[in-house]
Structures are given as C-alpha cells and as structure tokens.
Amino acid sequence: MTSAKNILLVEADHMIEGWLCQILRAEAFNVSVARSLPEASMRLAAKPGFTAVICDYFLPDGTCLELLAGLRCRPGTPVPVLLTSGSCIPPWPGDVGLELLARPFNAARLLASLNRLLEVQPTDGSVIFAHSPPAARPDAG
C-alpha cells in the first residue's frame, strides 16, 4: 500500500457524504468529494493519483458504470473502486465479478472493504473491484 491515501468519494447524499468523510479522515485518508459523474471525471482528470474511488452506484445523473468505463480507458496505474449502494443493482456486465458494499454498513465494514481493496496489486491495467465479504470469493483453479 502506498503512503499517500487519497480517496475520491462520489456521493450525492450530503448526510452520507459527511458520515463517510468523517470515517475516512479519522483514518488519515485525504478525501476529495464529487457529487456528480461530471464532477468526478473532472477531479480524476485534474488530480491523478487517487489511491481509490468510493462511488455510490446510483447517482442523480446516472450510474457508476459511466465513471468506471472512463477509468478503464485511463492510462497509468489502475484505480481501485469500491461501490456502495442502498438499492438492488442488476448483475455486473462483463467478465469482472463484483460484490458491492451494501447499505446499511458500519465504519468497520467500510474500512475493512477499503483496506482489502488497497492490498490488491493489479498487473493487467484493469479496474479493481472490492468484494464483500471476502469469504464469498471462490478459489480459482
């Protein structure tokens, strides 16, 4: 894990944003907030080097799929992504499995998911997805 812990939080709900920021900052994460997909894209372009992105699946202007598509196309180090949702979402399209951090969750579950996500070291340039709980992931081959 790198020493710089810069998180982009993409969340439209001000109460949830405040709660997440409080938790993350208490754990020494530097948090930059975006409340929409265009704002998130601008922050990612203006400040490369985010350690991870935490994004609500459903935002007022679309879903996180649009943001993830942009992240996959970006050159450089892949950005780990932790998706949160208080709603049911359709199955994940494509060949990457995904379990999101379903609401309600507490600070311990958020930090465990984020820390697990940051431990993964990508080698293929793909976006990384956190899986919660880790025991649900079957062993490959």
Protein backbone atom coordinates (compact mmCIF):
# COMPACT_ATOMS: atom_id res chain seq x y z
CA MET A 1 0.00 0.00 0.00
CA THR A 2 1.24 3.49 -0.77
CA SER A 3 1.77 6.09 1.95
CA ALA A 4 -0.46 8.66 0.20
CA LYS A 5 -4.06 7.76 0.91
CA ASN A 6 -6.06 9.99 -1.41
CA ILE A 7 -9.68 8.94 -1.88
CA LEU A 8 -12.20 10.29 -4.36
CA LEU A 9 -15.65 9.96 -2.80
CA VAL A 10 -18.51 10.17 -5.30
CA GLU A 11 -21.72 10.60 -3.32
CA ALA A 12 -24.74 12.85 -3.92
CA ASP A 13 -26.34 12.46 -0.48
CA HIS A 14 -24.88 15.13 1.82
CA MET A 15 -25.56 13.18 5.03
CA ILE A 16 -23.88 10.02 3.75
CA GLU A 17 -21.03 12.08 2.32
CA GLY A 18 -20.44 13.73 5.70
CA TRP A 19 -20.51 10.41 7.54
CA LEU A 20 -18.11 8.75 5.07
CA CYS A 21 -15.73 11.73 5.13
CA GLN A 22 -15.67 11.67 8.93
CA ILE A 23 -14.77 7.96 8.98
CA LEU A 24 -12.15 8.22 6.26
CA ARG A 25 -10.47 11.35 7.63
CA ALA A 26 -10.31 9.79 11.11
CA GLU A 27 -8.25 7.03 9.47
CA ALA A 28 -5.88 9.59 7.86
CA PHE A 29 -7.35 9.41 4.35
CA ASN A 30 -7.34 12.61 2.31
CA VAL A 31 -10.85 12.84 0.86
CA SER A 32 -11.90 14.73 -2.25
CA VAL A 33 -15.66 14.81 -2.84
CA ALA A 34 -17.62 14.80 -6.09
CA ARG A 35 -21.41 14.90 -6.12
CA SER A 36 -21.97 14.01 -9.78
CA LEU A 37 -20.42 11.98 -12.58
CA PRO A 38 -19.06 15.03 -14.47
CA GLU A 39 -17.56 16.41 -11.25
CA ALA A 40 -15.94 13.03 -10.52
CA SER A 41 -14.48 12.88 -14.03
CA MET A 42 -13.11 16.41 -13.67
CA ARG A 43 -11.50 15.62 -10.32
CA LEU A 44 -9.92 12.45 -11.71
CA ALA A 45 -8.52 14.39 -14.67
CA ALA A 46 -7.31 17.34 -12.59
CA LYS A 47 -5.71 15.29 -9.82
CA PRO A 48 -4.33 11.97 -10.99
CA GLY A 49 -3.04 9.63 -8.34
CA PHE A 50 -6.11 8.82 -6.29
CA THR A 51 -5.45 5.76 -4.17
CA ALA A 52 -9.05 4.61 -4.60
CA VAL A 53 -12.52 5.74 -5.59
CA ILE A 54 -15.57 5.13 -3.42
CA CYS A 55 -18.68 5.61 -5.52
CA ASP A 56 -22.39 5.25 -4.93
CA TYR A 57 -23.78 3.00 -7.64
CA PHE A 58 -26.82 5.20 -8.37
CA LEU A 59 -26.26 8.94 -8.73
CA PRO A 60 -28.79 11.58 -9.82
CA ASP A 61 -27.10 11.91 -13.22
CA GLY A 62 -26.50 8.21 -13.96
CA THR A 63 -24.77 5.14 -12.61
CA CYS A 64 -21.19 4.49 -11.72
CA LEU A 65 -20.86 2.40 -14.90
CA GLU A 66 -20.13 5.59 -16.83
CA LEU A 67 -17.36 6.56 -14.42
CA LEU A 68 -15.92 3.03 -14.45
CA ALA A 69 -15.83 2.99 -18.24
CA GLY A 70 -13.76 6.17 -18.16
CA LEU A 71 -11.42 4.74 -15.52
CA ARG A 72 -10.76 1.65 -17.62
CA CYS A 73 -9.62 3.84 -20.52
CA ARG A 74 -7.21 5.95 -18.48
CA PRO A 75 -3.50 5.28 -18.92
CA GLY A 76 -1.32 4.66 -15.90
CA THR A 77 -1.90 2.86 -12.66
CA PRO A 78 -5.37 1.34 -12.27
CA VAL A 79 -7.60 2.96 -9.67
CA PRO A 80 -9.28 0.62 -7.18
CA VAL A 81 -13.03 1.19 -6.93
CA LEU A 82 -15.36 0.44 -4.03
CA LEU A 83 -19.03 0.65 -4.98
CA THR A 84 -21.72 1.29 -2.40
CA SER A 85 -25.46 1.00 -2.83
CA GLY A 86 -28.60 1.03 -0.78
CA SER A 87 -30.55 -0.50 -3.67
CA CYS A 88 -30.50 -3.72 -5.60
CA ILE A 89 -28.48 -3.45 -8.77
CA PRO A 90 -28.54 -5.53 -11.92
CA PRO A 91 -25.86 -8.19 -12.39
CA TRP A 92 -22.48 -6.75 -13.29
CA PRO A 93 -21.91 -6.65 -17.06
CA GLY A 94 -18.72 -8.09 -18.49
CA ASP A 95 -16.21 -10.56 -17.23
CA VAL A 96 -15.33 -8.98 -13.87
CA GLY A 97 -17.17 -10.23 -10.80
CA LEU A 98 -18.41 -7.64 -8.35
CA GLU A 99 -19.88 -7.57 -4.90
CA LEU A 100 -20.63 -4.15 -3.60
CA LEU A 101 -20.72 -2.82 -0.11
CA ALA A 102 -24.46 -2.80 0.52
CA ARG A 103 -26.05 -0.21 2.77
CA PRO A 104 -26.51 -0.13 5.60
CA PHE A 105 -22.90 -0.72 6.59
CA ASN A 106 -20.86 0.47 9.53
CA ALA A 107 -17.44 2.10 9.71
CA ALA A 108 -15.68 -1.21 10.38
CA ARG A 109 -17.14 -2.83 7.23
CA LEU A 110 -16.29 0.22 5.12
CA LEU A 111 -12.69 0.30 6.31
CA ALA A 112 -12.26 -3.46 6.01
CA SER A 113 -13.51 -3.37 2.41
CA LEU A 114 -11.35 -0.39 1.55
CA ASN A 115 -8.22 -1.83 3.16
CA ARG A 116 -8.76 -5.16 1.42
CA LEU A 117 -9.18 -3.31 -1.87
CA LEU A 118 -5.97 -1.35 -1.37
CA GLU A 119 -4.00 -4.54 -0.73
CA VAL A 120 -4.73 -5.83 -4.25
CA GLN A 121 -1.93 -5.06 -6.68
CA PRO A 122 -3.21 -5.02 -10.29
CA THR A 123 -0.94 -6.12 -13.11
CA ASP A 124 -3.22 -6.07 -16.13
CA GLY A 125 -4.34 -2.43 -16.19
CA SER A 126 -7.90 -3.26 -15.19
CA VAL A 127 -10.09 -1.50 -12.69
CA ILE A 128 -10.08 -3.38 -9.40
CA PHE A 129 -13.29 -4.19 -7.58
CA ALA A 130 -13.72 -4.89 -3.88
CA HIS A 131 -15.62 -7.97 -2.87
CA SER A 132 -17.59 -8.04 0.35
CA PRO A 133 -17.42 -10.39 2.16
CA PRO A 134 -14.07 -11.88 1.15
CA ALA A 135 -15.13 -15.39 2.17
CA ALA A 136 -17.67 -15.38 -0.68
CA ARG A 137 -14.90 -15.39 -3.28
CA PRO A 138 -14.25 -18.96 -4.52
CA ASP A 139 -10.70 -20.16 -5.11
CA ALA A 140 -9.71 -20.15 -8.76
CA GLY A 141 -8.42 -23.40 -10.18
